[in-house]
Each structure stands twice: as structure tokens, then as C-alpha cells.
Amino acid sequence: MNTQMTIEYLVSLLAILAVAIGGFALYRATRPTSQTEIDSLKHENEALFQENVMLKQNL
């Protein structure tokens, strides 16, 4: 393996690692963090579901 191929290989690994770290950071930044927030989202989801059912009945 020559130097050029080694450098290309390492740059490719670095790019893959950067994408993986970025994806994990995005996941951590957007997920609910507390039980209160999770409960709030569940309540909001249930309200939207009920609204959806009512709208479908009106069709």
C-alpha cells in the first residue's frame, strides 16, 4: 500500500467517523430528555389523535 492510498483511506475513515458523530449528536439534541417532556409529548400526541379521529368522522 503506497502513501497516497494510505492517506485516502485515513481521510475516508475520518469522514465516516465525522458523519457518525454528527448523527449521534443530532439524535441526542432532538430526543426528549425528561419524563415530564415525554409525558407532555404523549398528551399532545393523544390530543392530535383525537382531533384526527373527529376530522375523519366529518368527512
C-alpha atoms as a PDB file:
ATOM      1  CA  MET A   1       0.000   0.000   0.000  1.00  0.00           C
ATOM      2  CA  ASN A   2       1.545   3.293  -1.016  1.00  0.00           C
ATOM      3  CA  THR A   3       1.387   6.603   0.827  1.00  0.00           C
ATOM      4  CA  GLN A   4      -1.320   8.115  -1.405  1.00  0.00           C
ATOM      5  CA  MET A   5      -3.661   5.163  -0.817  1.00  0.00           C
ATOM      6  CA  THR A   6      -2.981   5.254   2.921  1.00  0.00           C
ATOM      7  CA  ILE A   7      -3.849   8.961   3.097  1.00  0.00           C
ATOM      8  CA  GLU A   8      -7.051   8.436   1.073  1.00  0.00           C
ATOM      9  CA  TYR A   9      -8.021   5.541   3.341  1.00  0.00           C
ATOM     10  CA  LEU A  10      -7.463   7.594   6.501  1.00  0.00           C
ATOM     11  CA  VAL A  11      -9.396  10.572   5.102  1.00  0.00           C
ATOM     12  CA  SER A  12     -12.280   8.240   4.226  1.00  0.00           C
ATOM     13  CA  LEU A  13     -12.304   6.805   7.749  1.00  0.00           C
ATOM     14  CA  LEU A  14     -12.231  10.304   9.197  1.00  0.00           C
ATOM     15  CA  ALA A  15     -15.202  11.343   7.036  1.00  0.00           C
ATOM     16  CA  ILE A  16     -17.195   8.279   8.105  1.00  0.00           C
ATOM     17  CA  LEU A  17     -16.391   8.967  11.744  1.00  0.00           C
ATOM     18  CA  ALA A  18     -17.436  12.626  11.387  1.00  0.00           C
ATOM     19  CA  VAL A  19     -20.802  11.622   9.894  1.00  0.00           C
ATOM     20  CA  ALA A  20     -21.377   9.074  12.671  1.00  0.00           C
ATOM     21  CA  ILE A  21     -20.552  11.593  15.402  1.00  0.00           C
ATOM     22  CA  GLY A  22     -22.754  14.229  13.754  1.00  0.00           C
ATOM     23  CA  GLY A  23     -25.666  11.810  13.515  1.00  0.00           C
ATOM     24  CA  PHE A  24     -25.318  10.798  17.148  1.00  0.00           C
ATOM     25  CA  ALA A  25     -25.130  14.444  18.239  1.00  0.00           C
ATOM     26  CA  LEU A  26     -28.284  15.237  16.257  1.00  0.00           C
ATOM     27  CA  TYR A  27     -30.054  12.267  17.858  1.00  0.00           C
ATOM     28  CA  ARG A  28     -29.049  13.402  21.352  1.00  0.00           C
ATOM     29  CA  ALA A  29     -30.073  17.002  20.665  1.00  0.00           C
ATOM     30  CA  THR A  30     -33.561  16.165  19.399  1.00  0.00           C
ATOM     31  CA  ARG A  31     -34.759  13.406  21.700  1.00  0.00           C
ATOM     32  CA  PRO A  32     -36.897  14.168  24.762  1.00  0.00           C
ATOM     33  CA  THR A  33     -34.697  14.415  27.833  1.00  0.00           C
ATOM     34  CA  SER A  34     -37.016  14.343  30.821  1.00  0.00           C
ATOM     35  CA  GLN A  35     -40.014  12.277  31.886  1.00  0.00           C
ATOM     36  CA  THR A  36     -42.075  15.496  32.067  1.00  0.00           C
ATOM     37  CA  GLU A  37     -41.267  16.289  28.445  1.00  0.00           C
ATOM     38  CA  ILE A  38     -42.087  12.706  27.411  1.00  0.00           C
ATOM     39  CA  ASP A  39     -45.435  12.887  29.231  1.00  0.00           C
ATOM     40  CA  SER A  40     -46.182  16.229  27.588  1.00  0.00           C
ATOM     41  CA  LEU A  41     -45.449  14.777  24.146  1.00  0.00           C
ATOM     42  CA  LYS A  42     -47.666  11.762  24.871  1.00  0.00           C
ATOM     43  CA  HIS A  43     -50.511  14.085  25.896  1.00  0.00           C
ATOM     44  CA  GLU A  44     -50.039  16.207  22.767  1.00  0.00           C
ATOM     45  CA  ASN A  45     -49.961  13.072  20.616  1.00  0.00           C
ATOM     46  CA  GLU A  46     -53.213  11.807  22.155  1.00  0.00           C
ATOM     47  CA  ALA A  47     -54.903  15.185  21.586  1.00  0.00           C
ATOM     48  CA  LEU A  48     -53.799  15.222  17.942  1.00  0.00           C
ATOM     49  CA  PHE A  49     -55.010  11.644  17.507  1.00  0.00           C
ATOM     50  CA  GLN A  50     -58.447  12.546  18.904  1.00  0.00           C
ATOM     51  CA  GLU A  51     -58.606  15.601  16.632  1.00  0.00           C
ATOM     52  CA  ASN A  52     -57.688  13.397  13.656  1.00  0.00           C
ATOM     53  CA  VAL A  53     -60.488  10.940  14.536  1.00  0.00           C
ATOM     54  CA  MET A  54     -63.012  13.791  14.759  1.00  0.00           C
ATOM     55  CA  LEU A  55     -61.917  15.220  11.405  1.00  0.00           C
ATOM     56  CA  LYS A  56     -62.188  11.809   9.738  1.00  0.00           C
ATOM     57  CA  GLN A  57     -65.729  11.411  11.102  1.00  0.00           C
ATOM     58  CA  ASN A  58     -66.696  14.719   9.468  1.00  0.00           C
ATOM     59  CA  LEU A  59     -65.638  13.542   6.003  1.00  0.00           C
END
